[in-house]
C-alpha cells in the first residue's frame, strides 16, 4: 500500500477537509462558467453546471468552441 506523509493532513478535521474540497469544487466550477460565458454561452446556466459539476464543467468549457454570431439583428 502506498502511503503519503502529509504533516498537515492529520491536523485537519474531516469537516475542514469537506469545506476545503467544496470550496475548491465551487471555484473550479465558477472558473468554467466564466470561461463558457466568455465564449458566448449563458452565464446563469453555466454557473449552475459549474457549481454542480465542478471540474467536468471546466473541462467542457475549455474544449468548447466560441459561439459564432448569428448575423441577425
PDB file of N, CA and C in Angstrom:
ATOM      1  N   UNK A   1       0.839  -1.170   0.000  1.00  0.00           N
ATOM      2  CA  UNK A   1       0.000   0.000   0.000  1.00  0.00           C
ATOM      3  C   UNK A   1       0.888   1.238   0.000  1.00  0.00           C
ATOM      4  N   UNK A   2       0.497   2.238  -0.795  1.00  0.00           N
ATOM      5  CA  UNK A   2       1.254   3.484  -0.871  1.00  0.00           C
ATOM      6  C   UNK A   2       0.767   4.418   0.232  1.00  0.00           C
ATOM      7  N   UNK A   3       1.705   5.008   0.910  1.00  0.00           N
ATOM      8  CA  UNK A   3       1.363   5.934   1.988  1.00  0.00           C
ATOM      9  C   UNK A   3       2.068   7.260   1.736  1.00  0.00           C
ATOM     10  N   UNK A   4       1.313   8.334   1.875  1.00  0.00           N
ATOM     11  CA  UNK A   4       1.880   9.663   1.718  1.00  0.00           C
ATOM     12  C   UNK A   4       2.006  10.303   3.085  1.00  0.00           C
ATOM     13  N   UNK A   5       3.139  10.902   3.340  1.00  0.00           N
ATOM     14  CA  UNK A   5       3.368  11.556   4.618  1.00  0.00           C
ATOM     15  C   UNK A   5       3.060  13.043   4.472  1.00  0.00           C
ATOM     16  N   UNK A   6       1.838  13.425   4.797  1.00  0.00           N
ATOM     17  CA  UNK A   6       1.432  14.823   4.738  1.00  0.00           C
ATOM     18  C   UNK A   6       1.252  15.329   6.155  1.00  0.00           C
ATOM     19  N   UNK A   7       2.168  16.132   6.646  1.00  0.00           N
ATOM     20  CA  UNK A   7       2.098  16.551   8.045  1.00  0.00           C
ATOM     21  C   UNK A   7       0.836  17.331   8.387  1.00  0.00           C
ATOM     22  N   UNK A   8       0.290  18.096   7.433  1.00  0.00           N
ATOM     23  CA  UNK A   8      -0.898  18.885   7.727  1.00  0.00           C
ATOM     24  C   UNK A   8      -2.177  18.049   7.653  1.00  0.00           C
ATOM     25  N   UNK A   9      -2.130  16.899   7.010  1.00  0.00           N
ATOM     26  CA  UNK A   9      -3.329  16.092   6.802  1.00  0.00           C
ATOM     27  C   UNK A   9      -3.902  15.569   8.109  1.00  0.00           C
ATOM     28  N   UNK A  10      -3.064  15.258   9.060  1.00  0.00           N
ATOM     29  CA  UNK A  10      -3.571  14.714  10.313  1.00  0.00           C
ATOM     30  C   UNK A  10      -4.076  15.796  11.251  1.00  0.00           C
ATOM     31  N   UNK A  11      -3.711  17.038  10.994  1.00  0.00           N
ATOM     32  CA  UNK A  11      -4.140  18.114  11.886  1.00  0.00           C
ATOM     33  C   UNK A  11      -5.483  18.708  11.486  1.00  0.00           C
ATOM     34  N   UNK A  12      -5.961  18.416  10.280  1.00  0.00           N
ATOM     35  CA  UNK A  12      -7.239  18.969   9.828  1.00  0.00           C
ATOM     36  C   UNK A  12      -8.366  17.982  10.110  1.00  0.00           C
ATOM     37  N   UNK A  13      -9.469  18.504  10.594  1.00  0.00           N
ATOM     38  CA  UNK A  13     -10.629  17.648  10.866  1.00  0.00           C
ATOM     39  C   UNK A  13     -11.335  17.302   9.552  1.00  0.00           C
ATOM     40  N   UNK A  14     -12.201  16.333   9.611  1.00  0.00           N
ATOM     41  CA  UNK A  14     -12.935  15.934   8.407  1.00  0.00           C
ATOM     42  C   UNK A  14     -13.864  17.049   7.925  1.00  0.00           C
ATOM     43  N   UNK A  15     -14.392  17.838   8.847  1.00  0.00           N
ATOM     44  CA  UNK A  15     -15.245  18.959   8.458  1.00  0.00           C
ATOM     45  C   UNK A  15     -14.441  20.009   7.696  1.00  0.00           C
ATOM     46  N   UNK A  16     -13.216  20.243   8.139  1.00  0.00           N
ATOM     47  CA  UNK A  16     -12.358  21.205   7.460  1.00  0.00           C
ATOM     48  C   UNK A  16     -12.011  20.720   6.062  1.00  0.00           C
ATOM     49  N   UNK A  17     -11.705  19.431   5.916  1.00  0.00           N
ATOM     50  CA  UNK A  17     -11.431  18.863   4.605  1.00  0.00           C
ATOM     51  C   UNK A  17     -12.633  19.023   3.685  1.00  0.00           C
ATOM     52  N   UNK A  18     -13.820  18.775   4.210  1.00  0.00           N
ATOM     53  CA  UNK A  18     -15.037  18.902   3.410  1.00  0.00           C
ATOM     54  C   UNK A  18     -15.215  20.334   2.924  1.00  0.00           C
ATOM     55  N   UNK A  19     -15.018  21.290   3.811  1.00  0.00           N
ATOM     56  CA  UNK A  19     -15.150  22.701   3.430  1.00  0.00           C
ATOM     57  C   UNK A  19     -14.106  23.066   2.378  1.00  0.00           C
ATOM     58  N   UNK A  20     -12.883  22.617   2.542  1.00  0.00           N
ATOM     59  CA  UNK A  20     -11.831  22.907   1.564  1.00  0.00           C
ATOM     60  C   UNK A  20     -12.151  22.306   0.199  1.00  0.00           C
ATOM     61  N   UNK A  21     -12.593  21.063   0.182  1.00  0.00           N
ATOM     62  CA  UNK A  21     -12.915  20.409  -1.086  1.00  0.00           C
ATOM     63  C   UNK A  21     -14.116  21.059  -1.772  1.00  0.00           C
ATOM     64  N   UNK A  22     -15.140  21.397  -1.008  1.00  0.00           N
ATOM     65  CA  UNK A  22     -16.314  22.048  -1.605  1.00  0.00           C
ATOM     66  C   UNK A  22     -15.979  23.441  -2.123  1.00  0.00           C
ATOM     67  N   UNK A  23     -15.111  24.148  -1.406  1.00  0.00           N
ATOM     68  CA  UNK A  23     -14.685  25.474  -1.865  1.00  0.00           C
ATOM     69  C   UNK A  23     -13.900  25.369  -3.156  1.00  0.00           C
ATOM     70  N   UNK A  24     -12.981  24.433  -3.217  1.00  0.00           N
ATOM     71  CA  UNK A  24     -12.206  24.226  -4.436  1.00  0.00           C
ATOM     72  C   UNK A  24     -13.111  23.804  -5.590  1.00  0.00           C
ATOM     73  N   UNK A  25     -14.047  22.913  -5.326  1.00  0.00           N
ATOM     74  CA  UNK A  25     -15.011  22.457  -6.337  1.00  0.00           C
ATOM     75  C   UNK A  25     -15.791  23.645  -6.898  1.00  0.00           C
ATOM     76  N   UNK A  26     -16.259  24.522  -6.010  1.00  0.00           N
ATOM     77  CA  UNK A  26     -17.040  25.684  -6.433  1.00  0.00           C
ATOM     78  C   UNK A  26     -16.194  26.674  -7.224  1.00  0.00           C
ATOM     79  N   UNK A  27     -14.960  26.903  -6.805  1.00  0.00           N
ATOM     80  CA  UNK A  27     -14.084  27.821  -7.529  1.00  0.00           C
ATOM     81  C   UNK A  27     -13.751  27.310  -8.929  1.00  0.00           C
ATOM     82  N   UNK A  28     -13.483  26.031  -9.047  1.00  0.00           N
ATOM     83  CA  UNK A  28     -13.196  25.442 -10.354  1.00  0.00           C
ATOM     84  C   UNK A  28     -14.433  25.526 -11.249  1.00  0.00           C
ATOM     85  N   UNK A  29     -15.591  25.241 -10.689  1.00  0.00           N
ATOM     86  CA  UNK A  29     -16.833  25.337 -11.458  1.00  0.00           C
ATOM     87  C   UNK A  29     -17.142  26.751 -11.901  1.00  0.00           C
ATOM     88  N   UNK A  30     -16.885  27.714 -11.031  1.00  0.00           N
ATOM     89  CA  UNK A  30     -17.104  29.118 -11.382  1.00  0.00           C
ATOM     90  C   UNK A  30     -16.150  29.544 -12.484  1.00  0.00           C
ATOM     91  N   UNK A  31     -14.917  29.093 -12.427  1.00  0.00           N
ATOM     92  CA  UNK A  31     -13.957  29.388 -13.496  1.00  0.00           C
ATOM     93  C   UNK A  31     -14.454  28.821 -14.829  1.00  0.00           C
ATOM     94  N   UNK A  32     -15.013  27.622 -14.800  1.00  0.00           N
ATOM     95  CA  UNK A  32     -15.580  27.031 -16.015  1.00  0.00           C
ATOM     96  C   UNK A  32     -16.753  27.844 -16.542  1.00  0.00           C
ATOM     97  N   UNK A  33     -17.593  28.332 -15.634  1.00  0.00           N
ATOM     98  CA  UNK A  33     -18.747  29.139 -16.035  1.00  0.00           C
ATOM     99  C   UNK A  33     -18.297  30.455 -16.662  1.00  0.00           C
ATOM    100  N   UNK A  34     -17.305  31.101 -16.066  1.00  0.00           N
ATOM    101  CA  UNK A  34     -16.802  32.354 -16.623  1.00  0.00           C
ATOM    102  C   UNK A  34     -16.143  32.145 -17.984  1.00  0.00           C
ATOM    103  N   UNK A  35     -15.442  31.040 -18.132  1.00  0.00           N
ATOM    104  CA  UNK A  35     -14.829  30.717 -19.416  1.00  0.00           C
ATOM    105  C   UNK A  35     -15.902  30.467 -20.475  1.00  0.00           C
ATOM    106  N   UNK A  36     -16.931  29.721 -20.125  1.00  0.00           N
ATOM    107  CA  UNK A  36     -18.027  29.457 -21.069  1.00  0.00           C
ATOM    108  C   UNK A  36     -18.741  30.752 -21.446  1.00  0.00           C
ATOM    109  N   UNK A  37     -18.946  31.634 -20.467  1.00  0.00           N
ATOM    110  CA  UNK A  37     -19.598  32.917 -20.753  1.00  0.00           C
ATOM    111  C   UNK A  37     -18.738  33.765 -21.691  1.00  0.00           C
ATOM    112  N   UNK A  38     -17.423  33.683 -21.541  1.00  0.00           N
ATOM    113  CA  UNK A  38     -16.544  34.445 -22.434  1.00  0.00           C
ATOM    114  C   UNK A  38     -16.587  33.892 -23.858  1.00  0.00           C
ATOM    115  N   UNK A  39     -17.065  32.679 -24.003  1.00  0.00           N
ATOM    116  CA  UNK A  39     -17.209  32.068 -25.320  1.00  0.00           C
ATOM    117  C   UNK A  39     -18.632  32.209 -25.860  1.00  0.00           C
ATOM    118  N   UNK A  40     -19.432  33.060 -25.219  1.00  0.00           N
ATOM    119  CA  UNK A  40     -20.765  33.366 -25.724  1.00  0.00           C
ATOM    120  C   UNK A  40     -21.878  32.480 -25.196  1.00  0.00           C
ATOM    121  N   UNK A  41     -21.633  31.738 -24.140  1.00  0.00           N
ATOM    122  CA  UNK A  41     -22.660  30.851 -23.577  1.00  0.00           C
ATOM    123  C   UNK A  41     -23.408  31.554 -22.442  1.00  0.00           C
ATOM    124  N   UNK A  42     -24.519  30.970 -22.023  1.00  0.00           N
ATOM    125  CA  UNK A  42     -25.381  31.521 -20.989  1.00  0.00           C
ATOM    126  C   UNK A  42     -24.698  31.391 -19.615  1.00  0.00           C
ATOM    127  N   UNK A  43     -24.414  32.533 -18.988  1.00  0.00           N
ATOM    128  CA  UNK A  43     -23.689  32.527 -17.720  1.00  0.00           C
ATOM    129  C   UNK A  43     -24.483  31.851 -16.607  1.00  0.00           C
ATOM    130  N   UNK A  44     -25.784  32.122 -16.501  1.00  0.00           N
ATOM    131  CA  UNK A  44     -26.586  31.516 -15.431  1.00  0.00           C
ATOM    132  C   UNK A  44     -26.617  29.992 -15.547  1.00  0.00           C
ATOM    133  N   UNK A  45     -26.806  29.492 -16.742  1.00  0.00           N
ATOM    134  CA  UNK A  45     -26.819  28.047 -16.955  1.00  0.00           C
ATOM    135  C   UNK A  45     -25.463  27.443 -16.603  1.00  0.00           C
ATOM    136  N   UNK A  46     -24.400  28.082 -17.032  1.00  0.00           N
ATOM    137  CA  UNK A  46     -23.068  27.550 -16.774  1.00  0.00           C
ATOM    138  C   UNK A  46     -22.652  27.693 -15.319  1.00  0.00           C
ATOM    139  N   UNK A  47     -23.176  28.691 -14.614  1.00  0.00           N
ATOM    140  CA  UNK A  47     -22.919  28.763 -13.170  1.00  0.00           C
ATOM    141  C   UNK A  47     -23.555  27.571 -12.470  1.00  0.00           C
ATOM    142  N   UNK A  48     -24.779  27.241 -12.866  1.00  0.00           N
ATOM    143  CA  UNK A  48     -25.446  26.070 -12.295  1.00  0.00           C
ATOM    144  C   UNK A  48     -24.660  24.794 -12.620  1.00  0.00           C
ATOM    145  N   UNK A  49     -24.257  24.650 -13.874  1.00  0.00           N
ATOM    146  CA  UNK A  49     -23.464  23.480 -14.260  1.00  0.00           C
ATOM    147  C   UNK A  49     -22.117  23.468 -13.539  1.00  0.00           C
ATOM    148  N   UNK A  50     -21.487  24.612 -13.430  1.00  0.00           N
ATOM    149  CA  UNK A  50     -20.186  24.689 -12.791  1.00  0.00           C
ATOM    150  C   UNK A  50     -20.227  24.336 -11.323  1.00  0.00           C
ATOM    151  N   UNK A  51     -21.244  24.819 -10.622  1.00  0.00           N
ATOM    152  CA  UNK A  51     -21.342  24.542  -9.191  1.00  0.00           C
ATOM    153  C   UNK A  51     -21.694  23.075  -8.936  1.00  0.00           C
ATOM    154  N   UNK A  52     -22.503  22.488  -9.803  1.00  0.00           N
ATOM    155  CA  UNK A  52     -22.875  21.090  -9.594  1.00  0.00           C
ATOM    156  C   UNK A  52     -21.856  20.112 -10.155  1.00  0.00           C
ATOM    157  N   UNK A  53     -21.203  20.470 -11.253  1.00  0.00           N
ATOM    158  CA  UNK A  53     -20.302  19.524 -11.918  1.00  0.00           C
ATOM    159  C   UNK A  53     -18.819  19.834 -11.719  1.00  0.00           C
ATOM    160  N   UNK A  54     -18.490  21.030 -11.260  1.00  0.00           N
ATOM    161  CA  UNK A  54     -17.114  21.376 -10.932  1.00  0.00           C
ATOM    162  C   UNK A  54     -16.122  21.201 -12.054  1.00  0.00           C
ATOM    163  N   UNK A  55     -15.190  20.290 -11.872  1.00  0.00           N
ATOM    164  CA  UNK A  55     -14.092  20.086 -12.815  1.00  0.00           C
ATOM    165  C   UNK A  55     -14.591  19.680 -14.196  1.00  0.00           C
ATOM    166  N   UNK A  56     -15.639  18.886 -14.258  1.00  0.00           N
ATOM    167  CA  UNK A  56     -16.176  18.456 -15.555  1.00  0.00           C
ATOM    168  C   UNK A  56     -16.653  19.665 -16.363  1.00  0.00           C
ATOM    169  N   UNK A  57     -17.302  20.622 -15.714  1.00  0.00           N
ATOM    170  CA  UNK A  57     -17.767  21.824 -16.414  1.00  0.00           C
ATOM    171  C   UNK A  57     -16.583  22.635 -16.937  1.00  0.00           C
ATOM    172  N   UNK A  58     -15.525  22.720 -16.149  1.00  0.00           N
ATOM    173  CA  UNK A  58     -14.333  23.450 -16.599  1.00  0.00           C
ATOM    174  C   UNK A  58     -13.717  22.764 -17.812  1.00  0.00           C
ATOM    175  N   UNK A  59     -13.612  21.446 -17.781  1.00  0.00           N
ATOM    176  CA  UNK A  59     -13.029  20.725 -18.908  1.00  0.00           C
ATOM    177  C   UNK A  59     -13.855  20.892 -20.176  1.00  0.00           C
ATOM    178  N   UNK A  60     -15.176  20.836 -20.049  1.00  0.00           N
ATOM    179  CA  UNK A  60     -16.050  21.020 -21.219  1.00  0.00           C
ATOM    180  C   UNK A  60     -15.900  22.446 -21.751  1.00  0.00           C
ATOM    181  N   UNK A  61     -15.863  23.426 -20.856  1.00  0.00           N
ATOM    182  CA  UNK A  61     -15.719  24.821 -21.282  1.00  0.00           C
ATOM    183  C   UNK A  61     -14.372  25.054 -21.969  1.00  0.00           C
ATOM    184  N   UNK A  62     -13.342  24.342 -21.539  1.00  0.00           N
ATOM    185  CA  UNK A  62     -12.032  24.506 -22.165  1.00  0.00           C
ATOM    186  C   UNK A  62     -12.013  24.023 -23.609  1.00  0.00           C
ATOM    187  N   UNK A  63     -12.696  22.927 -23.911  1.00  0.00           N
ATOM    188  CA  UNK A  63     -12.666  22.373 -25.264  1.00  0.00           C
ATOM    189  C   UNK A  63     -13.791  22.907 -26.152  1.00  0.00           C
ATOM    190  N   UNK A  64     -14.734  23.628 -25.572  1.00  0.00           N
ATOM    191  CA  UNK A  64     -15.872  24.155 -26.322  1.00  0.00           C
ATOM    192  C   UNK A  64     -15.421  25.301 -27.228  1.00  0.00           C
ATOM    193  N   UNK A  65     -15.942  25.310 -28.445  1.00  0.00           N
ATOM    194  CA  UNK A  65     -15.617  26.388 -29.376  1.00  0.00           C
ATOM    195  C   UNK A  65     -16.481  27.607 -29.081  1.00  0.00           C
ATOM    196  N   UNK A  66     -15.952  28.804 -29.364  1.00  0.00           N
ATOM    197  CA  UNK A  66     -16.766  30.014 -29.156  1.00  0.00           C
ATOM    198  C   UNK A  66     -17.986  30.012 -30.056  1.00  0.00           C
ATOM    199  N   UNK A  67     -19.072  30.571 -29.544  1.00  0.00           N
ATOM    200  CA  UNK A  67     -20.317  30.656 -30.321  1.00  0.00           C
ATOM    201  C   UNK A  67     -20.150  31.727 -31.391  1.00  0.00           C
ATOM    202  N   UNK A  68     -20.564  31.393 -32.608  1.00  0.00           N
ATOM    203  CA  UNK A  68     -20.478  32.334 -33.731  1.00  0.00           C
ATOM    204  C   UNK A  68     -21.676  33.283 -33.689  1.00  0.00           C
ATOM    205  N   UNK A  69     -21.456  34.552 -34.000  1.00  0.00           N
ATOM    206  CA  UNK A  69     -22.591  35.483 -34.070  1.00  0.00           C
ATOM    207  C   UNK A  69     -23.579  35.017 -35.136  1.00  0.00           C
ATOM    208  N   UNK A  70     -24.862  35.179 -34.860  1.00  0.00           N
ATOM    209  CA  UNK A  70     -25.895  34.687 -35.777  1.00  0.00           C
ATOM    210  C   UNK A  70     -26.045  35.579 -37.013  1.00  0.00           C
ATOM    211  N   UNK A  71     -25.663  36.845 -36.919  1.00  0.00           N
ATOM    212  CA  UNK A  71     -25.786  37.729 -38.062  1.00  0.00           C
ATOM    213  C   UNK A  71     -27.150  38.401 -38.146  1.00  0.00           C
ATOM    214  N   UNK A  72     -28.068  38.024 -37.264  1.00  0.00           N
ATOM    215  CA  UNK A  72     -29.411  38.638 -37.246  1.00  0.00           C
ATOM    216  C   UNK A  72     -29.411  39.855 -36.330  1.00  0.00           C
ATOM    217  N   UNK A  73     -30.305  40.787 -36.629  1.00  0.00           N
ATOM    218  CA  UNK A  73     -30.434  41.985 -35.791  1.00  0.00           C
ATOM    219  C   UNK A  73     -31.784  42.095 -35.212  1.00  0.00           C
TER     220      UNK A  73
END
